[in-house]
Amino acid sequence: GEMGETEVASFLSNLAVHQNVSASTQNQALSALLFLYAEVLQTPLGNLGEIERARRPRKVPVVLTRQEAQRLLAQLEGLNWVMVSLLYGSGLRLLEMLRLRVKDVDFGYGQITVRNGKGGKDRVTMLPVKLLEPLRRHLARRKSEHEVDGREGGGAVFLPEALARKYPAAARAWPWQYIFAAAKPSRDPRSGEIRRHHRDEVTIQRLVRSAAEKAGISKPTTPHVLRHSFATHLLESGSDIRTVQELLGHRDVAT
């Protein structure tokens, strides 16, 4: 039995009616099938007739109010406060924050360079003034820790392969070290070297969730919600959307 227009149409309708997918998921399935038939099977689909369209809108993103964001941060202290404050105050994605290296922070200009996030381009975002001192103090501690690691035969950090080849000494150099390094060095499974990786994502996700609960916030709160709140609060205080997108590293308004 050939699968043709009728079967494709009923498959897509079924997605909407019984599987309750969002419109964007249904459109994705439609595009994939059109491509499959036209390019792979070389038998382009004709008119699919009336497909039952998905009505479920995209979920409205969760955003904290300014007061909620402040209450959440007030539950944290020390380095945990610094890390979560960066998610909200600089609009970083969780992994972007964890992957920051010493050289990515410019204290003079109050800026953070996010290296090659999604999409391959570096971008610059703001480093809030109230984070300057706490971050400086943390880096002073990290530097002594790094020096001790070096004396004990560690002190190397993971570098992308091309960089590691180009700058063999960089892996042990202070500017390339992770700012938010793990509490203990560990053996890198790839190279067998003793390295200090960055902190773990799951820990920070839990941290944000528990701080939100302690602050009495009932919305489901994740690191990404803090990034979203950063953008929303900037727009509310009159920043134009282009600027905010550049800070977030978005290429278009829709996302």
Protein backbone atom coordinates (compact mmCIF):
# COMPACT_ATOMS: atom_id res chain seq x y z
CA GLY A 1 0.00 0.00 0.00
CA GLU A 2 1.30 3.39 -1.01
CA MET A 3 1.30 6.16 1.57
CA GLY A 4 0.03 9.23 -0.22
CA GLU A 5 -1.75 12.54 0.36
CA THR A 6 -4.65 10.99 2.28
CA GLU A 7 -2.44 9.14 4.77
CA VAL A 8 -0.17 12.14 5.32
CA ALA A 9 -3.16 14.41 5.89
CA SER A 10 -4.70 12.02 8.41
CA PHE A 11 -1.34 11.58 10.19
CA LEU A 12 -0.98 15.36 10.57
CA SER A 13 -4.59 15.75 11.72
CA ASN A 14 -4.07 12.99 14.25
CA LEU A 15 -1.08 14.87 15.69
CA ALA A 16 -3.32 17.85 16.33
CA VAL A 17 -6.45 16.07 17.49
CA HIS A 18 -5.17 13.13 19.51
CA GLN A 19 -1.59 13.97 20.38
CA ASN A 20 -2.30 17.58 21.24
CA VAL A 21 0.96 18.87 19.76
CA SER A 22 1.64 22.59 19.32
CA ALA A 23 1.25 24.31 15.96
CA SER A 24 5.02 24.59 15.57
CA THR A 25 5.47 20.83 16.07
CA GLN A 26 2.78 20.07 13.51
CA ASN A 27 4.36 22.49 11.01
CA GLN A 28 7.71 20.84 11.55
CA ALA A 29 6.20 17.42 10.80
CA LEU A 30 4.54 18.82 7.67
CA SER A 31 7.80 20.36 6.40
CA ALA A 32 9.69 17.14 7.07
CA LEU A 33 7.14 15.08 5.15
CA LEU A 34 7.03 17.52 2.22
CA PHE A 35 10.82 17.28 2.04
CA LEU A 36 10.81 13.48 2.32
CA TYR A 37 8.36 13.07 -0.56
CA ALA A 38 9.85 15.72 -2.84
CA GLU A 39 13.58 15.16 -2.31
CA VAL A 40 14.01 11.61 -1.05
CA LEU A 41 11.15 9.69 -2.62
CA GLN A 42 11.05 11.99 -5.68
CA THR A 43 7.22 11.97 -5.63
CA PRO A 44 6.12 15.40 -4.40
CA LEU A 45 2.86 15.43 -2.46
CA GLY A 46 -0.12 17.07 -4.14
CA ASN A 47 -2.85 18.94 -2.31
CA LEU A 48 -3.30 17.62 1.22
CA GLY A 49 -6.81 19.03 1.50
CA GLU A 50 -8.08 20.24 4.83
CA ILE A 51 -5.75 19.29 7.67
CA GLU A 52 -7.01 19.76 11.19
CA ARG A 53 -4.66 22.52 12.44
CA ALA A 54 -3.06 22.35 15.86
CA ARG A 55 -4.54 24.96 18.18
CA ARG A 56 -2.35 24.57 21.23
CA PRO A 57 -0.40 27.81 21.44
CA ARG A 58 3.23 27.86 22.48
CA LYS A 59 3.53 28.01 26.24
CA VAL A 60 3.82 31.54 27.53
CA PRO A 61 7.31 31.74 29.01
CA VAL A 62 7.55 32.04 32.78
CA VAL A 63 8.90 35.42 33.89
CA LEU A 64 9.66 36.53 37.44
CA THR A 65 8.77 40.02 38.58
CA ARG A 66 11.69 42.17 39.73
CA GLN A 67 10.61 41.63 43.33
CA GLU A 68 10.55 37.86 42.86
CA ALA A 69 14.00 37.90 41.27
CA GLN A 70 15.36 39.91 44.22
CA ARG A 71 13.68 37.59 46.74
CA LEU A 72 15.13 34.56 44.98
CA LEU A 73 18.67 36.00 45.02
CA ALA A 74 18.27 36.94 48.69
CA GLN A 75 18.05 33.20 49.51
CA LEU A 76 21.60 32.64 48.22
CA GLU A 77 25.02 33.62 49.45
CA GLY A 78 28.67 33.43 48.50
CA LEU A 79 29.55 31.88 45.19
CA ASN A 80 26.04 30.50 44.68
CA TRP A 81 24.74 34.05 44.84
CA VAL A 82 27.37 35.17 42.30
CA MET A 83 26.54 32.41 39.81
CA VAL A 84 22.77 32.84 39.95
CA SER A 85 23.11 36.65 39.91
CA LEU A 86 25.00 36.29 36.62
CA LEU A 87 22.15 34.30 35.08
CA TYR A 88 19.73 37.08 35.97
CA GLY A 89 22.03 40.11 35.76
CA SER A 90 23.81 39.18 32.51
CA GLY A 91 21.17 37.02 30.85
CA LEU A 92 23.56 34.12 30.32
CA ARG A 93 22.42 30.62 29.45
CA LEU A 94 23.32 28.14 32.17
CA LEU A 95 26.17 26.53 30.23
CA GLU A 96 27.48 29.89 29.06
CA MET A 97 27.83 30.94 32.68
CA LEU A 98 29.51 27.66 33.68
CA ARG A 99 31.92 27.80 30.73
CA LEU A 100 33.17 31.33 31.44
CA ARG A 101 36.94 31.56 31.59
CA VAL A 102 38.96 34.14 33.50
CA LYS A 103 39.82 36.13 30.36
CA ASP A 104 36.13 36.49 29.38
CA VAL A 105 35.41 39.02 32.13
CA ASP A 106 36.43 42.64 31.60
CA PHE A 107 36.28 44.46 34.92
CA GLY A 108 37.33 47.80 33.40
CA TYR A 109 34.38 47.93 31.02
CA GLY A 110 32.00 45.87 33.15
CA GLN A 111 31.51 43.38 30.34
CA ILE A 112 31.42 39.66 29.79
CA THR A 113 32.35 38.09 26.46
CA VAL A 114 30.36 34.96 25.76
CA ARG A 115 32.46 32.80 23.49
CA ASN A 116 30.83 31.14 20.59
CA GLY A 117 27.51 30.33 22.24
CA LYS A 118 24.90 28.83 19.93
CA GLY A 119 25.42 30.06 16.40
CA GLY A 120 29.17 30.36 16.55
CA LYS A 121 29.48 34.12 17.14
CA ASP A 122 30.97 35.67 20.26
CA ARG A 123 28.86 38.32 21.94
CA VAL A 124 29.29 40.85 24.71
CA THR A 125 26.86 41.28 27.58
CA MET A 126 26.83 43.41 30.71
CA LEU A 127 28.48 42.57 34.02
CA PRO A 128 26.34 44.20 36.72
CA VAL A 129 28.26 46.64 38.95
CA LYS A 130 27.25 44.87 42.14
CA LEU A 131 28.97 41.70 40.92
CA LEU A 132 32.36 43.34 40.31
CA GLU A 133 33.73 43.05 43.85
CA PRO A 134 32.34 39.59 44.73
CA LEU A 135 33.67 38.26 41.42
CA ARG A 136 37.09 39.84 41.99
CA ARG A 137 37.29 38.25 45.43
CA HIS A 138 36.29 34.86 44.04
CA LEU A 139 38.91 35.11 41.29
CA ALA A 140 41.63 35.90 43.82
CA ARG A 141 40.73 32.67 45.65
CA ARG A 142 40.55 30.75 42.38
CA LYS A 143 43.99 32.00 41.39
CA SER A 144 45.64 30.64 44.55
CA GLU A 145 43.76 27.37 44.07
CA HIS A 146 45.02 27.20 40.48
CA GLU A 147 48.61 27.81 41.61
CA VAL A 148 48.32 24.98 44.14
CA ASP A 149 46.85 22.70 41.45
CA GLY A 150 49.85 23.52 39.25
CA ARG A 151 52.35 22.63 41.95
CA GLU A 152 50.55 19.33 42.45
CA GLY A 153 50.81 18.41 38.77
CA GLY A 154 47.30 19.51 37.78
CA GLY A 155 46.19 22.96 36.69
CA ALA A 156 45.30 22.11 33.10
CA VAL A 157 41.84 22.95 31.80
CA PHE A 158 39.83 21.55 28.90
CA LEU A 159 40.40 23.47 25.65
CA PRO A 160 38.67 22.90 22.32
CA GLU A 161 40.97 20.83 20.15
CA ALA A 162 41.98 23.53 17.65
CA LEU A 163 42.95 25.87 20.49
CA ALA A 164 44.86 23.17 22.32
CA ARG A 165 46.96 22.60 19.20
CA LYS A 166 47.48 26.29 18.54
CA TYR A 167 48.35 27.29 22.12
CA PRO A 168 49.75 24.21 23.88
CA ALA A 169 50.61 26.25 26.99
CA ALA A 170 47.15 27.80 27.31
CA ALA A 171 45.64 24.83 29.15
CA ARG A 172 47.77 25.63 32.21
CA ALA A 173 47.63 29.41 31.85
CA TRP A 174 45.50 31.33 34.35
CA PRO A 175 43.43 33.36 31.80
CA TRP A 176 42.04 30.15 30.29
CA GLN A 177 40.87 28.60 33.56
CA TYR A 178 37.17 28.19 34.32
CA ILE A 179 35.90 30.86 36.71
CA PHE A 180 33.39 28.49 38.30
CA ALA A 181 35.59 25.45 38.61
CA ALA A 182 34.55 22.25 40.30
CA ALA A 183 35.41 21.90 43.98
CA LYS A 184 37.78 19.01 43.25
CA PRO A 185 40.07 18.21 40.32
CA SER A 186 39.17 15.06 38.40
CA ARG A 187 40.72 12.84 35.76
CA ASP A 188 39.66 13.79 32.24
CA PRO A 189 38.34 10.57 30.63
CA ARG A 190 39.56 11.68 27.19
CA SER A 191 43.16 12.57 27.96
CA GLY A 192 43.74 10.97 31.36
CA GLU A 193 44.92 14.37 32.63
CA ILE A 194 44.01 15.69 36.05
CA ARG A 195 41.84 18.72 35.40
CA ARG A 196 39.45 20.99 37.17
CA HIS A 197 36.28 21.00 35.09
CA HIS A 198 33.53 23.60 35.54
CA ARG A 199 30.73 23.09 38.02
CA ASP A 200 27.85 20.83 37.22
CA GLU A 201 24.64 22.01 35.53
CA VAL A 202 22.29 19.92 37.63
CA THR A 203 23.61 21.44 40.85
CA ILE A 204 22.79 24.95 39.63
CA GLN A 205 19.35 23.91 38.38
CA ARG A 206 18.57 22.51 41.83
CA LEU A 207 19.99 25.60 43.49
CA VAL A 208 17.70 27.90 41.48
CA ARG A 209 14.67 25.72 42.14
CA SER A 210 15.23 25.53 45.88
CA ALA A 211 15.94 29.28 46.16
CA ALA A 212 12.65 29.96 44.35
CA GLU A 213 10.77 27.65 46.72
CA LYS A 214 12.34 29.29 49.78
CA ALA A 215 11.39 32.69 48.36
CA GLY A 216 7.78 31.51 48.13
CA ILE A 217 7.70 31.66 44.32
CA SER A 218 5.23 29.12 43.00
CA LYS A 219 6.14 29.52 39.30
CA PRO A 220 8.36 26.74 37.91
CA THR A 221 11.72 28.51 38.05
CA THR A 222 14.77 27.38 36.08
CA PRO A 223 18.03 29.10 35.09
CA HIS A 224 16.41 29.87 31.74
CA VAL A 225 13.55 31.67 33.48
CA LEU A 226 16.15 34.01 35.01
CA ARG A 227 17.58 34.73 31.56
CA HIS A 228 14.08 35.42 30.30
CA SER A 229 13.37 37.72 33.24
CA PHE A 230 16.60 39.63 32.52
CA ALA A 231 15.36 40.35 28.99
CA THR A 232 11.84 41.24 30.07
CA HIS A 233 13.00 43.64 32.77
CA LEU A 234 15.37 45.38 30.35
CA LEU A 235 12.53 45.84 27.86
CA GLU A 236 10.25 47.11 30.62
CA SER A 237 12.81 49.72 31.60
CA GLY A 238 12.96 51.02 28.05
CA SER A 239 15.84 49.18 26.33
CA ASP A 240 15.08 48.62 22.68
CA ILE A 241 14.50 45.10 21.48
CA ARG A 242 17.55 45.01 19.17
CA THR A 243 19.92 45.78 22.03
CA VAL A 244 18.33 43.16 24.24
CA GLN A 245 18.61 40.58 21.48
CA GLU A 246 22.28 41.33 21.04
CA LEU A 247 22.86 40.89 24.77
CA LEU A 248 21.00 37.57 24.64
CA GLY A 249 22.75 36.45 21.47
CA HIS A 250 19.52 36.08 19.52
CA ARG A 251 19.53 36.56 15.81
CA ASP A 252 15.84 37.37 15.43
CA VAL A 253 13.02 38.80 17.49
CA ALA A 254 10.84 35.70 17.44
CA THR A 255 13.01 33.73 19.83
